[in-house]
Amino acid sequence: MASSSSSSREMKHQVFLSFRGEDTRLNFTSHLLKALKDTGLNVFFDEEKLEIGEQLSQALSQAIAASNLSILVLSKDYAFSKSCLGELSQIMKCKKTQGHIVLPIFYHVYLSHVRNIGGTFKTSFGEHESKRPVDEVKRWKAAFTEVGTLKEWHIEGGKFDRSETEYIKDVVG
């Protein structure tokens, strides 16, 4: 994916992996990370656990902008995290301004809940609306609903018709 031609942005990682750590860090996302690295891809994986309420750091923002592709693992509590929503907003901005490729994986969530901000996502955005600036929540909602319109990999609602390993092979392959 990385090219040797000169570019206005320095490529440090080919893939930026966005996920809610509490939901998927020790299972699906760690297996996906290994599979991506095994193919030779340089993947940004946030090893640090952001403190509750911490905003998107400059380093994360730069890592997103310096990547060609972002893979979003959208799990049931993804939208409760301000840092995840900040990443998502930055990723979708880079999609518009830089042609950044975005691949969402809907992990045990219903696509209709993402597109329409339903289920746990409705609850999480309700909490953000009572605590965060209106413009910020508006940006997050716009990015969230837009990602619901993209071509995706879908492990719907906790039902598996095959193993997670098979899904990961499809994503990486």
N, C-alpha and C. Protein backbone atom coordinates (compact mmCIF):
# COMPACT_ATOMS: atom_id res chain seq x y z
N MET A 1 0.79 -1.19 0.00
CA MET A 1 0.00 0.00 0.00
C MET A 1 0.85 1.27 0.00
N ALA A 2 1.95 1.26 0.73
CA ALA A 2 2.79 2.44 0.79
C ALA A 2 3.51 2.62 -0.52
N SER A 3 3.68 3.87 -0.90
CA SER A 3 4.30 4.16 -2.18
C SER A 3 5.59 4.91 -1.95
N SER A 4 6.51 4.80 -2.89
CA SER A 4 7.79 5.48 -2.73
C SER A 4 7.75 6.88 -3.34
N SER A 5 6.65 7.24 -3.99
CA SER A 5 6.55 8.57 -4.56
C SER A 5 6.41 9.59 -3.44
N SER A 6 6.80 10.84 -3.74
CA SER A 6 6.71 11.86 -2.71
C SER A 6 5.25 12.18 -2.45
N SER A 7 4.98 12.47 -1.21
CA SER A 7 3.61 12.72 -0.79
C SER A 7 3.61 13.86 0.21
N SER A 8 2.48 14.58 0.27
CA SER A 8 2.40 15.69 1.21
C SER A 8 2.27 15.18 2.65
N ARG A 9 1.96 13.92 2.82
CA ARG A 9 1.88 13.36 4.17
C ARG A 9 2.80 12.15 4.26
N GLU A 10 3.52 12.06 5.33
CA GLU A 10 4.46 10.95 5.52
C GLU A 10 3.70 9.71 5.96
N MET A 11 3.96 8.59 5.28
CA MET A 11 3.28 7.34 5.58
C MET A 11 4.04 6.61 6.68
N LYS A 12 3.47 6.56 7.87
CA LYS A 12 4.09 5.83 8.96
C LYS A 12 3.44 4.47 9.14
N HIS A 13 2.12 4.42 8.95
CA HIS A 13 1.37 3.18 9.06
C HIS A 13 0.46 3.08 7.85
N GLN A 14 0.32 1.89 7.32
CA GLN A 14 -0.58 1.69 6.20
C GLN A 14 -2.03 1.61 6.67
N VAL A 15 -2.22 1.05 7.86
CA VAL A 15 -3.57 0.81 8.38
C VAL A 15 -3.69 1.39 9.78
N PHE A 16 -4.78 2.10 10.02
CA PHE A 16 -5.12 2.58 11.36
C PHE A 16 -6.29 1.74 11.84
N LEU A 17 -6.14 1.14 13.01
CA LEU A 17 -7.16 0.25 13.56
C LEU A 17 -7.89 0.98 14.70
N SER A 18 -9.19 1.23 14.52
CA SER A 18 -10.00 1.92 15.52
C SER A 18 -10.97 0.93 16.15
N PHE A 19 -11.02 0.90 17.48
CA PHE A 19 -11.84 -0.07 18.19
C PHE A 19 -12.07 0.41 19.61
N ARG A 20 -13.08 -0.13 20.25
CA ARG A 20 -13.33 0.14 21.68
C ARG A 20 -12.61 -0.95 22.45
N GLY A 21 -11.55 -0.58 23.15
CA GLY A 21 -10.70 -1.54 23.83
C GLY A 21 -11.43 -2.48 24.76
N GLU A 22 -12.34 -1.95 25.55
CA GLU A 22 -13.08 -2.78 26.51
C GLU A 22 -13.90 -3.85 25.82
N ASP A 23 -14.34 -3.58 24.60
CA ASP A 23 -15.19 -4.53 23.87
C ASP A 23 -14.40 -5.60 23.12
N THR A 24 -13.29 -5.20 22.48
CA THR A 24 -12.67 -6.13 21.52
C THR A 24 -11.15 -6.24 21.59
N ARG A 25 -10.49 -5.47 22.45
CA ARG A 25 -9.01 -5.45 22.45
C ARG A 25 -8.41 -6.85 22.63
N LEU A 26 -8.94 -7.64 23.52
CA LEU A 26 -8.33 -8.93 23.86
C LEU A 26 -8.88 -10.10 23.07
N ASN A 27 -9.78 -9.84 22.13
CA ASN A 27 -10.31 -10.95 21.34
C ASN A 27 -10.26 -10.60 19.85
N PHE A 28 -11.36 -10.22 19.27
CA PHE A 28 -11.44 -10.01 17.82
C PHE A 28 -10.35 -9.08 17.29
N THR A 29 -10.20 -7.92 17.92
CA THR A 29 -9.24 -6.93 17.41
C THR A 29 -7.80 -7.43 17.50
N SER A 30 -7.45 -8.13 18.56
CA SER A 30 -6.07 -8.64 18.65
C SER A 30 -5.81 -9.69 17.57
N HIS A 31 -6.81 -10.51 17.25
CA HIS A 31 -6.65 -11.51 16.18
C HIS A 31 -6.57 -10.83 14.81
N LEU A 32 -7.38 -9.79 14.62
CA LEU A 32 -7.34 -9.03 13.37
C LEU A 32 -5.98 -8.35 13.21
N LEU A 33 -5.48 -7.75 14.27
CA LEU A 33 -4.16 -7.11 14.24
C LEU A 33 -3.08 -8.10 13.82
N LYS A 34 -3.07 -9.28 14.43
CA LYS A 34 -2.07 -10.29 14.09
C LYS A 34 -2.18 -10.69 12.63
N ALA A 35 -3.39 -10.90 12.14
CA ALA A 35 -3.58 -11.30 10.74
C ALA A 35 -3.10 -10.21 9.79
N LEU A 36 -3.38 -8.96 10.10
CA LEU A 36 -2.92 -7.85 9.26
C LEU A 36 -1.40 -7.77 9.24
N LYS A 37 -0.79 -7.88 10.42
CA LYS A 37 0.68 -7.83 10.50
C LYS A 37 1.31 -9.03 9.80
N ASP A 38 0.67 -10.19 9.88
CA ASP A 38 1.20 -11.39 9.22
C ASP A 38 1.25 -11.24 7.70
N THR A 39 0.43 -10.36 7.15
CA THR A 39 0.47 -10.11 5.70
C THR A 39 1.53 -9.07 5.34
N GLY A 40 2.20 -8.53 6.34
CA GLY A 40 3.25 -7.55 6.09
C GLY A 40 2.79 -6.11 6.18
N LEU A 41 1.55 -5.88 6.57
CA LEU A 41 1.05 -4.51 6.69
C LEU A 41 1.57 -3.87 7.96
N ASN A 42 1.84 -2.58 7.88
CA ASN A 42 2.25 -1.79 9.03
C ASN A 42 0.98 -1.19 9.62
N VAL A 43 0.62 -1.62 10.82
CA VAL A 43 -0.67 -1.27 11.42
C VAL A 43 -0.46 -0.41 12.66
N PHE A 44 -1.22 0.69 12.75
CA PHE A 44 -1.24 1.47 13.98
C PHE A 44 -2.31 0.88 14.88
N PHE A 45 -1.87 0.45 16.05
CA PHE A 45 -2.75 -0.15 17.06
C PHE A 45 -2.46 0.58 18.35
N ASP A 46 -3.43 1.31 18.86
CA ASP A 46 -3.22 2.11 20.07
C ASP A 46 -3.02 1.20 21.27
N GLU A 47 -1.77 1.09 21.70
CA GLU A 47 -1.43 0.23 22.84
C GLU A 47 -1.84 0.88 24.16
N GLU A 48 -1.96 2.19 24.14
CA GLU A 48 -2.31 2.91 25.37
C GLU A 48 -3.81 2.86 25.58
N LYS A 49 -4.21 2.68 26.79
CA LYS A 49 -5.64 2.75 27.12
C LYS A 49 -5.91 4.18 27.54
N LEU A 50 -6.68 4.90 26.72
CA LEU A 50 -6.98 6.28 27.04
C LEU A 50 -7.84 6.35 28.30
N GLU A 51 -7.58 7.36 29.10
CA GLU A 51 -8.38 7.57 30.30
C GLU A 51 -9.80 7.95 29.90
N ILE A 52 -10.74 7.65 30.75
CA ILE A 52 -12.13 8.01 30.48
C ILE A 52 -12.21 9.52 30.31
N GLY A 53 -12.83 9.93 29.22
CA GLY A 53 -13.01 11.35 28.95
C GLY A 53 -11.88 11.99 28.19
N GLU A 54 -10.78 11.28 27.96
CA GLU A 54 -9.65 11.84 27.26
C GLU A 54 -10.00 12.06 25.79
N GLN A 55 -9.57 13.18 25.27
CA GLN A 55 -9.86 13.53 23.88
C GLN A 55 -8.81 12.92 22.95
N LEU A 56 -9.11 12.97 21.67
CA LEU A 56 -8.21 12.44 20.65
C LEU A 56 -6.88 13.19 20.72
N SER A 57 -5.80 12.46 20.90
CA SER A 57 -4.49 13.09 21.01
C SER A 57 -3.97 13.50 19.64
N GLN A 58 -3.02 14.40 19.65
CA GLN A 58 -2.39 14.84 18.40
C GLN A 58 -1.71 13.65 17.72
N ALA A 59 -1.11 12.76 18.50
CA ALA A 59 -0.43 11.59 17.92
C ALA A 59 -1.42 10.69 17.19
N LEU A 60 -2.59 10.45 17.79
CA LEU A 60 -3.60 9.62 17.13
C LEU A 60 -4.12 10.30 15.88
N SER A 61 -4.36 11.58 15.97
CA SER A 61 -4.84 12.34 14.81
C SER A 61 -3.84 12.27 13.66
N GLN A 62 -2.56 12.41 13.98
CA GLN A 62 -1.52 12.32 12.95
C GLN A 62 -1.41 10.91 12.39
N ALA A 63 -1.56 9.90 13.24
CA ALA A 63 -1.50 8.51 12.77
C ALA A 63 -2.63 8.22 11.78
N ILE A 64 -3.80 8.77 12.04
CA ILE A 64 -4.93 8.59 11.13
C ILE A 64 -4.61 9.25 9.79
N ALA A 65 -4.17 10.50 9.84
CA ALA A 65 -3.89 11.26 8.61
C ALA A 65 -2.76 10.64 7.80
N ALA A 66 -1.83 9.97 8.47
CA ALA A 66 -0.67 9.40 7.78
C ALA A 66 -0.93 7.98 7.28
N SER A 67 -2.12 7.47 7.47
CA SER A 67 -2.47 6.11 7.02
C SER A 67 -3.24 6.19 5.70
N ASN A 68 -3.24 5.10 4.96
CA ASN A 68 -4.06 4.99 3.75
C ASN A 68 -5.44 4.45 4.04
N LEU A 69 -5.54 3.62 5.06
CA LEU A 69 -6.75 2.85 5.32
C LEU A 69 -7.03 2.83 6.81
N SER A 70 -8.29 2.97 7.17
CA SER A 70 -8.70 2.76 8.56
C SER A 70 -9.70 1.62 8.60
N ILE A 71 -9.49 0.73 9.55
CA ILE A 71 -10.45 -0.34 9.81
C ILE A 71 -11.10 -0.02 11.15
N LEU A 72 -12.42 0.10 11.12
CA LEU A 72 -13.19 0.43 12.32
C LEU A 72 -13.88 -0.83 12.81
N VAL A 73 -13.64 -1.22 14.03
CA VAL A 73 -14.36 -2.34 14.63
C VAL A 73 -15.45 -1.71 15.50
N LEU A 74 -16.63 -1.58 14.92
CA LEU A 74 -17.75 -0.93 15.61
C LEU A 74 -18.50 -1.96 16.45
N SER A 75 -18.29 -1.89 17.74
CA SER A 75 -18.90 -2.81 18.69
C SER A 75 -20.00 -2.08 19.47
N LYS A 76 -20.72 -2.80 20.31
CA LYS A 76 -21.91 -2.24 20.95
C LYS A 76 -21.64 -0.99 21.79
N ASP A 77 -20.47 -0.89 22.40
CA ASP A 77 -20.17 0.27 23.24
C ASP A 77 -19.20 1.26 22.60
N TYR A 78 -18.90 1.08 21.32
CA TYR A 78 -17.96 1.97 20.61
C TYR A 78 -18.35 3.44 20.80
N ALA A 79 -19.62 3.76 20.63
CA ALA A 79 -20.06 5.15 20.67
C ALA A 79 -20.12 5.74 22.07
N PHE A 80 -19.93 4.94 23.11
CA PHE A 80 -19.84 5.49 24.46
C PHE A 80 -18.49 6.17 24.68
N SER A 81 -17.51 5.84 23.86
CA SER A 81 -16.15 6.37 24.01
C SER A 81 -15.97 7.66 23.22
N LYS A 82 -15.67 8.75 23.93
CA LYS A 82 -15.41 10.02 23.26
C LYS A 82 -14.17 9.91 22.37
N SER A 83 -13.18 9.16 22.81
CA SER A 83 -11.97 9.03 21.99
C SER A 83 -12.26 8.24 20.72
N CYS A 84 -13.09 7.19 20.79
CA CYS A 84 -13.46 6.45 19.57
C CYS A 84 -14.22 7.35 18.61
N LEU A 85 -15.15 8.15 19.14
CA LEU A 85 -15.92 9.04 18.26
C LEU A 85 -15.03 10.13 17.68
N GLY A 86 -14.04 10.58 18.45
CA GLY A 86 -13.07 11.55 17.91
C GLY A 86 -12.26 10.94 16.79
N GLU A 87 -11.81 9.69 16.97
CA GLU A 87 -11.10 8.98 15.90
C GLU A 87 -11.98 8.85 14.67
N LEU A 88 -13.20 8.41 14.88
CA LEU A 88 -14.13 8.22 13.77
C LEU A 88 -14.35 9.51 12.99
N SER A 89 -14.54 10.60 13.70
CA SER A 89 -14.73 11.91 13.07
C SER A 89 -13.51 12.29 12.23
N GLN A 90 -12.32 12.09 12.79
CA GLN A 90 -11.07 12.40 12.07
C GLN A 90 -10.91 11.48 10.86
N ILE A 91 -11.23 10.21 11.01
CA ILE A 91 -11.13 9.25 9.91
C ILE A 91 -12.04 9.66 8.76
N MET A 92 -13.28 10.02 9.07
CA MET A 92 -14.22 10.39 8.02
C MET A 92 -13.82 11.72 7.37
N LYS A 93 -13.20 12.61 8.13
CA LYS A 93 -12.68 13.85 7.56
C LYS A 93 -11.57 13.53 6.57
N CYS A 94 -10.67 12.62 6.93
CA CYS A 94 -9.57 12.22 6.03
C CYS A 94 -10.11 11.50 4.80
N LYS A 95 -11.21 10.79 4.94
CA LYS A 95 -11.85 10.15 3.79
C LYS A 95 -12.25 11.21 2.77
N LYS A 96 -12.83 12.29 3.26
CA LYS A 96 -13.29 13.37 2.37
C LYS A 96 -12.12 14.17 1.79
N THR A 97 -11.13 14.49 2.61
CA THR A 97 -10.07 15.41 2.18
C THR A 97 -8.87 14.73 1.53
N GLN A 98 -8.62 13.45 1.86
CA GLN A 98 -7.42 12.78 1.38
C GLN A 98 -7.71 11.50 0.61
N GLY A 99 -8.97 11.14 0.47
CA GLY A 99 -9.29 9.88 -0.19
C GLY A 99 -8.97 8.67 0.67
N HIS A 100 -8.90 8.87 1.96
CA HIS A 100 -8.64 7.82 2.94
C HIS A 100 -9.67 6.70 2.76
N ILE A 101 -9.25 5.46 2.77
CA ILE A 101 -10.15 4.32 2.63
C ILE A 101 -10.63 3.90 4.02
N VAL A 102 -11.93 3.68 4.15
CA VAL A 102 -12.51 3.31 5.44
C VAL A 102 -13.24 1.98 5.29
N LEU A 103 -12.87 1.02 6.13
CA LEU A 103 -13.51 -0.29 6.13
C LEU A 103 -14.11 -0.54 7.51
N PRO A 104 -15.43 -0.41 7.64
CA PRO A 104 -16.05 -0.71 8.92
C PRO A 104 -16.37 -2.19 9.07
N ILE A 105 -16.18 -2.68 10.28
CA ILE A 105 -16.60 -4.03 10.65
C ILE A 105 -17.63 -3.85 11.75
N PHE A 106 -18.86 -4.27 11.48
CA PHE A 106 -19.93 -4.16 12.47
C PHE A 106 -19.91 -5.42 13.30
N TYR A 107 -19.32 -5.29 14.49
CA TYR A 107 -19.05 -6.44 15.35
C TYR A 107 -20.17 -6.61 16.38
N HIS A 108 -21.02 -7.59 16.15
CA HIS A 108 -22.14 -7.89 17.05
C HIS A 108 -23.07 -6.69 17.25
N VAL A 109 -23.24 -5.90 16.20
CA VAL A 109 -24.22 -4.81 16.22
C VAL A 109 -25.03 -4.88 14.94
N TYR A 110 -26.20 -4.31 14.98
CA TYR A 110 -27.06 -4.29 13.80
C TYR A 110 -26.77 -3.05 12.97
N LEU A 111 -26.63 -3.25 11.69
CA LEU A 111 -26.35 -2.15 10.77
C LEU A 111 -27.41 -1.06 10.89
N SER A 112 -28.65 -1.44 11.04
CA SER A 112 -29.72 -0.44 11.16
C SER A 112 -29.52 0.44 12.41
N HIS A 113 -28.92 -0.12 13.47
CA HIS A 113 -28.65 0.67 14.67
C HIS A 113 -27.56 1.70 14.41
N VAL A 114 -26.61 1.38 13.54
CA VAL A 114 -25.57 2.34 13.19
C VAL A 114 -26.17 3.43 12.29
N ARG A 115 -26.84 3.02 11.24
CA ARG A 115 -27.40 3.98 10.28
C ARG A 115 -28.41 4.93 10.92
N ASN A 116 -29.18 4.42 11.87
CA ASN A 116 -30.26 5.21 12.46
C ASN A 116 -29.99 5.62 13.91
N ILE A 117 -28.78 5.38 14.38
CA ILE A 117 -28.40 5.65 15.77
C ILE A 117 -29.47 5.08 16.72
N GLY A 118 -29.58 3.76 16.68
CA GLY A 118 -30.53 3.05 17.53
C GLY A 118 -29.80 2.17 18.53
N GLY A 119 -30.55 1.43 19.31
CA GLY A 119 -29.97 0.51 20.29
C GLY A 119 -29.07 1.22 21.28
N THR A 120 -27.93 0.60 21.60
CA THR A 120 -26.99 1.21 22.56
C THR A 120 -26.41 2.51 22.03
N PHE A 121 -26.39 2.67 20.71
CA PHE A 121 -25.85 3.91 20.13
C PHE A 121 -26.74 5.10 20.46
N LYS A 122 -28.04 4.88 20.48
CA LYS A 122 -28.98 5.95 20.86
C LYS A 122 -28.71 6.38 22.30
N THR A 123 -28.52 5.40 23.17
CA THR A 123 -28.23 5.68 24.58
C THR A 123 -26.93 6.46 24.72
N SER A 124 -25.89 6.01 24.01
CA SER A 124 -24.58 6.68 24.14
C SER A 124 -24.63 8.11 23.63
N PHE A 125 -25.26 8.33 22.49
CA PHE A 125 -25.34 9.70 21.98
C PHE A 125 -26.22 10.57 22.88
N GLY A 126 -27.23 9.98 23.49
CA GLY A 126 -28.05 10.73 24.46
C GLY A 126 -27.20 11.22 25.62
N GLU A 127 -26.31 10.38 26.10
CA GLU A 127 -25.40 10.78 27.19
C GLU A 127 -24.46 11.89 26.73
N HIS A 128 -23.90 11.75 25.52
CA HIS A 128 -22.99 12.78 25.01
C HIS A 128 -23.70 14.11 24.84
N GLU A 129 -24.95 14.07 24.37
CA GLU A 129 -25.70 15.31 24.13
C GLU A 129 -25.91 16.10 25.41
N SER A 130 -25.98 15.41 26.54
CA SER A 130 -26.19 16.12 27.81
C SER A 130 -24.88 16.64 28.42
N LYS A 131 -23.74 16.20 27.88
CA LYS A 131 -22.46 16.55 28.51
C LYS A 131 -21.46 17.25 27.59
N ARG A 132 -21.65 17.15 26.28
CA ARG A 132 -20.65 17.65 25.33
C ARG A 132 -21.22 18.81 24.52
N PRO A 133 -20.35 19.63 23.91
CA PRO A 133 -20.82 20.72 23.05
C PRO A 133 -21.65 20.18 21.87
N VAL A 134 -22.69 20.91 21.53
CA VAL A 134 -23.63 20.50 20.48
C VAL A 134 -22.91 20.25 19.16
N ASP A 135 -22.00 21.14 18.76
CA ASP A 135 -21.29 20.99 17.48
C ASP A 135 -20.46 19.71 17.45
N GLU A 136 -19.83 19.39 18.56
CA GLU A 136 -19.01 18.18 18.64
C GLU A 136 -19.88 16.93 18.45
N VAL A 137 -20.98 16.86 19.16
CA VAL A 137 -21.87 15.70 19.06
C VAL A 137 -22.46 15.61 17.66
N LYS A 138 -22.77 16.74 17.06
CA LYS A 138 -23.28 16.77 15.68
C LYS A 138 -22.27 16.15 14.71
N ARG A 139 -20.99 16.53 14.87
CA ARG A 139 -19.91 15.96 14.03
C ARG A 139 -19.82 14.46 14.22
N TRP A 140 -19.85 14.03 15.47
CA TRP A 140 -19.77 12.60 15.77
C TRP A 140 -20.93 11.84 15.15
N LYS A 141 -22.14 12.38 15.29
CA LYS A 141 -23.32 11.72 14.73
C LYS A 141 -23.23 11.63 13.20
N ALA A 142 -22.81 12.71 12.57
CA ALA A 142 -22.69 12.72 11.10
C ALA A 142 -21.69 11.66 10.65
N ALA A 143 -20.55 11.59 11.32
CA ALA A 143 -19.53 10.59 10.96
C ALA A 143 -20.06 9.18 11.21
N PHE A 144 -20.75 9.00 12.30
CA PHE A 144 -21.27 7.68 12.68
C PHE A 144 -22.30 7.19 11.67
N THR A 145 -23.25 8.04 11.31
CA THR A 145 -24.27 7.61 10.35
C THR A 145 -23.68 7.42 8.96
N GLU A 146 -22.68 8.23 8.61
CA GLU A 146 -22.03 8.07 7.30
C GLU A 146 -21.33 6.71 7.20
N VAL A 147 -20.66 6.31 8.26
CA VAL A 147 -19.95 5.03 8.23
C VAL A 147 -20.93 3.87 8.04
N GLY A 148 -22.17 4.06 8.44
CA GLY A 148 -23.20 3.04 8.24
C GLY A 148 -23.61 2.86 6.79
N THR A 149 -23.18 3.78 5.93
CA THR A 149 -23.53 3.68 4.50
C THR A 149 -22.41 3.05 3.68
N LEU A 150 -21.27 2.79 4.31
CA LEU A 150 -20.11 2.27 3.57
C LEU A 150 -20.18 0.75 3.43
N LYS A 151 -19.44 0.25 2.43
CA LYS A 151 -19.30 -1.20 2.27
C LYS A 151 -18.62 -1.73 3.53
N GLU A 152 -19.18 -2.79 4.07
CA GLU A 152 -18.70 -3.24 5.38
C GLU A 152 -18.59 -4.75 5.46
N TRP A 153 -17.94 -5.17 6.54
CA TRP A 153 -17.96 -6.57 6.98
C TRP A 153 -18.90 -6.59 8.16
N HIS A 154 -19.72 -7.59 8.22
CA HIS A 154 -20.78 -7.57 9.20
C HIS A 154 -20.86 -8.88 9.97
N ILE A 155 -20.64 -8.79 11.26
CA ILE A 155 -20.86 -9.93 12.16
C ILE A 155 -22.06 -9.49 12.99
N GLU A 156 -23.24 -9.83 12.53
CA GLU A 156 -24.46 -9.19 13.02
C GLU A 156 -24.98 -9.77 14.32
N GLY A 157 -25.28 -8.83 15.22
CA GLY A 157 -26.07 -9.12 16.40
C GLY A 157 -25.70 -10.33 17.22
N GLY A 158 -24.44 -10.73 17.20
CA GLY A 158 -24.01 -11.84 18.03
C GLY A 158 -24.24 -13.20 17.41
N LYS A 159 -24.78 -13.25 16.20
CA LYS A 159 -25.00 -14.54 15.55
C LYS A 159 -23.85 -14.82 14.58
N PHE A 160 -23.27 -15.97 14.71
CA PHE A 160 -22.19 -16.36 13.81
C PHE A 160 -22.67 -17.47 12.90
N ASP A 161 -22.34 -17.34 11.62
CA ASP A 161 -22.58 -18.47 10.72
C ASP A 161 -21.26 -19.16 10.41
N ARG A 162 -20.18 -18.62 10.98
CA ARG A 162 -18.84 -19.21 10.88
C ARG A 162 -17.96 -18.58 11.95
N SER A 163 -16.72 -19.03 12.04
CA SER A 163 -15.83 -18.56 13.12
C SER A 163 -15.32 -17.15 12.84
N GLU A 164 -14.90 -16.48 13.92
CA GLU A 164 -14.29 -15.15 13.77
C GLU A 164 -13.06 -15.23 12.88
N THR A 165 -12.32 -16.32 12.97
CA THR A 165 -11.13 -16.51 12.15
C THR A 165 -11.48 -16.44 10.67
N GLU A 166 -12.60 -17.03 10.29
CA GLU A 166 -13.03 -16.99 8.88
C GLU A 166 -13.38 -15.57 8.45
N TYR A 167 -14.04 -14.82 9.32
CA TYR A 167 -14.34 -13.42 9.02
C TYR A 167 -13.04 -12.63 8.83
N ILE A 168 -12.10 -12.85 9.73
CA ILE A 168 -10.83 -12.13 9.66
C ILE A 168 -10.08 -12.48 8.38
N LYS A 169 -10.10 -13.75 7.98
CA LYS A 169 -9.46 -14.14 6.72
C LYS A 169 -10.07 -13.38 5.55
N ASP A 170 -11.39 -13.22 5.56
CA ASP A 170 -12.05 -12.46 4.49
C ASP A 170 -11.62 -11.00 4.48
N VAL A 171 -11.51 -10.40 5.65
CA VAL A 171 -11.11 -8.99 5.75
C VAL A 171 -9.69 -8.81 5.24
N VAL A 172 -8.79 -9.67 5.68
CA VAL A 172 -7.37 -9.54 5.35
C VAL A 172 -7.08 -9.99 3.92
N GLY A 173 -7.80 -11.03 3.49
CA GLY A 173 -7.56 -11.62 2.18
C GLY A 173 -8.00 -10.75 1.08
